[in-house]
Amino acid sequence: MKILVDMNLSPQWVNFLTNMDIEAVHWNNIGSASAPDAVIMEYAKANDYTILTHDLDFSAILAVSRTNKPSVIQLRTSNISPESSADLVIRTIRKLSSDIEKGAIVTVDDNKIRLHFLPL
């Protein structure tokens, strides 16, 4: 699985993910910081990335488009720093990897993990 870290998350996420053998890249290494979410989604879909984000707009776009890719992991914890949330995110990726690869929205918060299969 390849993770595309959205602009609203620290580039440090890439280090935490790659240190756990999860391929990852931050959007600022690929495209413009001002790129609209639709451009990020198209890139992720075309290049088989799952988007890791703190933004809820990606779910809305997926709901309207009714597509099954790209998968999105929404980080909704009270502290979105990798130092605080990386263990939870990495455990979630490992636990749900087959579902994520098929097409899903995964919401990770302080109390639970929610999985919604795509298309919505």
C-alpha atoms as a PDB file:
ATOM      1  CA  MET A   1       0.000   0.000   0.000  1.00  0.00           C
ATOM      2  CA  LYS A   2       1.174   3.499  -0.844  1.00  0.00           C
ATOM      3  CA  ILE A   3       0.153   6.479   1.275  1.00  0.00           C
ATOM      4  CA  LEU A   4      -0.140  10.043  -0.019  1.00  0.00           C
ATOM      5  CA  VAL A   5       0.016  12.425   2.951  1.00  0.00           C
ATOM      6  CA  ASP A   6      -2.155  15.490   2.407  1.00  0.00           C
ATOM      7  CA  MET A   7      -0.898  19.061   2.837  1.00  0.00           C
ATOM      8  CA  ASN A   8      -2.847  19.497   6.069  1.00  0.00           C
ATOM      9  CA  LEU A   9      -0.620  16.949   7.802  1.00  0.00           C
ATOM     10  CA  SER A  10       3.031  17.316   8.692  1.00  0.00           C
ATOM     11  CA  PRO A  11       5.633  15.968   6.266  1.00  0.00           C
ATOM     12  CA  GLN A  12       6.993  14.101   9.307  1.00  0.00           C
ATOM     13  CA  TRP A  13       4.210  11.570   8.741  1.00  0.00           C
ATOM     14  CA  VAL A  14       6.257  10.229   5.829  1.00  0.00           C
ATOM     15  CA  ASN A  15       9.155   9.355   8.144  1.00  0.00           C
ATOM     16  CA  PHE A  16       6.912   7.571  10.629  1.00  0.00           C
ATOM     17  CA  LEU A  17       5.208   5.552   7.901  1.00  0.00           C
ATOM     18  CA  THR A  18       8.332   4.641   5.955  1.00  0.00           C
ATOM     19  CA  ASN A  19      10.093   3.612   9.169  1.00  0.00           C
ATOM     20  CA  MET A  20       7.331   1.030   9.533  1.00  0.00           C
ATOM     21  CA  ASP A  21       7.792  -0.207   5.932  1.00  0.00           C
ATOM     22  CA  ILE A  22       4.789   1.660   4.553  1.00  0.00           C
ATOM     23  CA  GLU A  23       5.562   3.512   1.330  1.00  0.00           C
ATOM     24  CA  ALA A  24       4.603   7.169   1.750  1.00  0.00           C
ATOM     25  CA  VAL A  25       5.061  10.567   0.131  1.00  0.00           C
ATOM     26  CA  HIS A  26       3.882  14.033   1.145  1.00  0.00           C
ATOM     27  CA  TRP A  27       1.877  15.991  -1.421  1.00  0.00           C
ATOM     28  CA  ASN A  28       4.351  18.896  -1.273  1.00  0.00           C
ATOM     29  CA  ASN A  29       6.910  16.581  -2.914  1.00  0.00           C
ATOM     30  CA  ILE A  30       4.553  15.855  -5.810  1.00  0.00           C
ATOM     31  CA  GLY A  31       2.346  18.837  -6.528  1.00  0.00           C
ATOM     32  CA  SER A  32       1.438  22.383  -5.706  1.00  0.00           C
ATOM     33  CA  ALA A  33       0.546  23.282  -2.133  1.00  0.00           C
ATOM     34  CA  SER A  34      -2.441  25.174  -3.505  1.00  0.00           C
ATOM     35  CA  ALA A  35      -3.743  22.283  -5.622  1.00  0.00           C
ATOM     36  CA  PRO A  36      -7.451  21.631  -5.153  1.00  0.00           C
ATOM     37  CA  ASP A  37      -8.508  18.394  -3.478  1.00  0.00           C
ATOM     38  CA  ALA A  38      -9.851  17.091  -6.784  1.00  0.00           C
ATOM     39  CA  VAL A  39      -6.340  17.261  -8.297  1.00  0.00           C
ATOM     40  CA  ILE A  40      -4.876  15.399  -5.322  1.00  0.00           C
ATOM     41  CA  MET A  41      -7.573  12.755  -5.625  1.00  0.00           C
ATOM     42  CA  GLU A  42      -6.986  12.282  -9.342  1.00  0.00           C
ATOM     43  CA  TYR A  43      -3.261  11.860  -8.749  1.00  0.00           C
ATOM     44  CA  ALA A  44      -3.883   9.358  -5.954  1.00  0.00           C
ATOM     45  CA  LYS A  45      -6.331   7.395  -8.074  1.00  0.00           C
ATOM     46  CA  ALA A  46      -4.064   7.332 -11.138  1.00  0.00           C
ATOM     47  CA  ASN A  47      -1.039   6.270  -9.106  1.00  0.00           C
ATOM     48  CA  ASP A  48      -2.748   3.856  -6.692  1.00  0.00           C
ATOM     49  CA  TYR A  49      -2.244   5.888  -3.509  1.00  0.00           C
ATOM     50  CA  THR A  50      -4.403   5.973  -0.398  1.00  0.00           C
ATOM     51  CA  ILE A  51      -4.783   9.513   0.930  1.00  0.00           C
ATOM     52  CA  LEU A  52      -4.023  10.221   4.587  1.00  0.00           C
ATOM     53  CA  THR A  53      -5.694  13.484   5.567  1.00  0.00           C
ATOM     54  CA  HIS A  54      -7.272  15.569   8.295  1.00  0.00           C
ATOM     55  CA  ASP A  55      -9.665  17.057   5.728  1.00  0.00           C
ATOM     56  CA  LEU A  56     -13.287  15.911   5.395  1.00  0.00           C
ATOM     57  CA  ASP A  57     -13.612  17.228   1.834  1.00  0.00           C
ATOM     58  CA  PHE A  58     -12.202  14.046   0.312  1.00  0.00           C
ATOM     59  CA  SER A  59     -15.103  12.011   1.697  1.00  0.00           C
ATOM     60  CA  ALA A  60     -17.574  14.505   0.288  1.00  0.00           C
ATOM     61  CA  ILE A  61     -15.962  14.291  -3.149  1.00  0.00           C
ATOM     62  CA  LEU A  62     -16.084  10.489  -3.022  1.00  0.00           C
ATOM     63  CA  ALA A  63     -19.739  10.557  -2.008  1.00  0.00           C
ATOM     64  CA  VAL A  64     -20.680  12.778  -4.935  1.00  0.00           C
ATOM     65  CA  SER A  65     -18.496  10.986  -7.480  1.00  0.00           C
ATOM     66  CA  ARG A  66     -19.554   7.497  -6.346  1.00  0.00           C
ATOM     67  CA  THR A  67     -16.150   6.065  -7.266  1.00  0.00           C
ATOM     68  CA  ASN A  68     -14.306   3.302  -5.452  1.00  0.00           C
ATOM     69  CA  LYS A  69     -10.842   4.895  -5.512  1.00  0.00           C
ATOM     70  CA  PRO A  70      -8.792   6.414  -4.064  1.00  0.00           C
ATOM     71  CA  SER A  71      -9.200   5.166  -0.541  1.00  0.00           C
ATOM     72  CA  VAL A  72      -9.000   7.795   2.172  1.00  0.00           C
ATOM     73  CA  ILE A  73      -7.842   7.577   5.772  1.00  0.00           C
ATOM     74  CA  GLN A  74      -9.263  10.496   7.733  1.00  0.00           C
ATOM     75  CA  LEU A  75      -7.309  11.323  10.853  1.00  0.00           C
ATOM     76  CA  ARG A  76      -9.761  12.868  13.321  1.00  0.00           C
ATOM     77  CA  THR A  77      -7.841  12.433  16.577  1.00  0.00           C
ATOM     78  CA  SER A  78      -7.509  15.314  19.027  1.00  0.00           C
ATOM     79  CA  ASN A  79      -3.778  15.476  18.272  1.00  0.00           C
ATOM     80  CA  ILE A  80      -2.869  14.879  14.627  1.00  0.00           C
ATOM     81  CA  SER A  81       0.896  14.956  15.091  1.00  0.00           C
ATOM     82  CA  PRO A  82       2.665  11.772  14.030  1.00  0.00           C
ATOM     83  CA  GLU A  83       4.289  11.552  17.448  1.00  0.00           C
ATOM     84  CA  SER A  84       0.837  11.252  18.977  1.00  0.00           C
ATOM     85  CA  SER A  85      -1.171   9.356  16.363  1.00  0.00           C
ATOM     86  CA  ALA A  86       1.219   7.364  14.163  1.00  0.00           C
ATOM     87  CA  ASP A  87       0.970   4.125  16.154  1.00  0.00           C
ATOM     88  CA  LEU A  88      -2.815   4.157  15.873  1.00  0.00           C
ATOM     89  CA  VAL A  89      -2.734   4.972  12.159  1.00  0.00           C
ATOM     90  CA  ILE A  90      -0.142   2.306  11.411  1.00  0.00           C
ATOM     91  CA  ARG A  91      -2.080  -0.347  13.363  1.00  0.00           C
ATOM     92  CA  THR A  92      -5.220   0.669  11.458  1.00  0.00           C
ATOM     93  CA  ILE A  93      -3.476   0.439   8.083  1.00  0.00           C
ATOM     94  CA  ARG A  94      -2.144  -3.012   8.902  1.00  0.00           C
ATOM     95  CA  LYS A  95      -5.454  -4.272  10.272  1.00  0.00           C
ATOM     96  CA  LEU A  96      -7.584  -2.936   7.404  1.00  0.00           C
ATOM     97  CA  SER A  97      -5.116  -3.064   4.520  1.00  0.00           C
ATOM     98  CA  SER A  98      -7.132  -5.470   2.365  1.00  0.00           C
ATOM     99  CA  ASP A  99     -10.288  -3.371   2.811  1.00  0.00           C
ATOM    100  CA  ILE A 100      -8.403  -0.152   2.102  1.00  0.00           C
ATOM    101  CA  GLU A 101      -6.888  -1.609  -1.058  1.00  0.00           C
ATOM    102  CA  LYS A 102     -10.379  -2.532  -2.329  1.00  0.00           C
ATOM    103  CA  GLY A 103     -11.661   1.022  -1.792  1.00  0.00           C
ATOM    104  CA  ALA A 104     -12.730   2.513   1.528  1.00  0.00           C
ATOM    105  CA  ILE A 105     -12.946   5.537   3.737  1.00  0.00           C
ATOM    106  CA  VAL A 106     -11.430   4.879   7.143  1.00  0.00           C
ATOM    107  CA  THR A 107     -11.971   7.395   9.926  1.00  0.00           C
ATOM    108  CA  VAL A 108      -9.561   7.171  12.836  1.00  0.00           C
ATOM    109  CA  ASP A 109     -10.441   9.103  15.978  1.00  0.00           C
ATOM    110  CA  ASP A 110      -9.552   8.902  19.644  1.00  0.00           C
ATOM    111  CA  ASN A 111     -12.316   6.444  20.473  1.00  0.00           C
ATOM    112  CA  LYS A 112     -12.936   4.262  17.436  1.00  0.00           C
ATOM    113  CA  ILE A 113     -12.177   3.389  13.847  1.00  0.00           C
ATOM    114  CA  ARG A 114     -14.934   3.529  11.275  1.00  0.00           C
ATOM    115  CA  LEU A 115     -14.804   1.790   7.896  1.00  0.00           C
ATOM    116  CA  HIS A 116     -17.042   2.626   4.925  1.00  0.00           C
ATOM    117  CA  PHE A 117     -16.630   0.722   1.681  1.00  0.00           C
ATOM    118  CA  LEU A 118     -16.588   2.614  -1.605  1.00  0.00           C
ATOM    119  CA  PRO A 119     -18.529   3.610  -3.526  1.00  0.00           C
ATOM    120  CA  LEU A 120     -20.694   5.348  -0.945  1.00  0.00           C
END
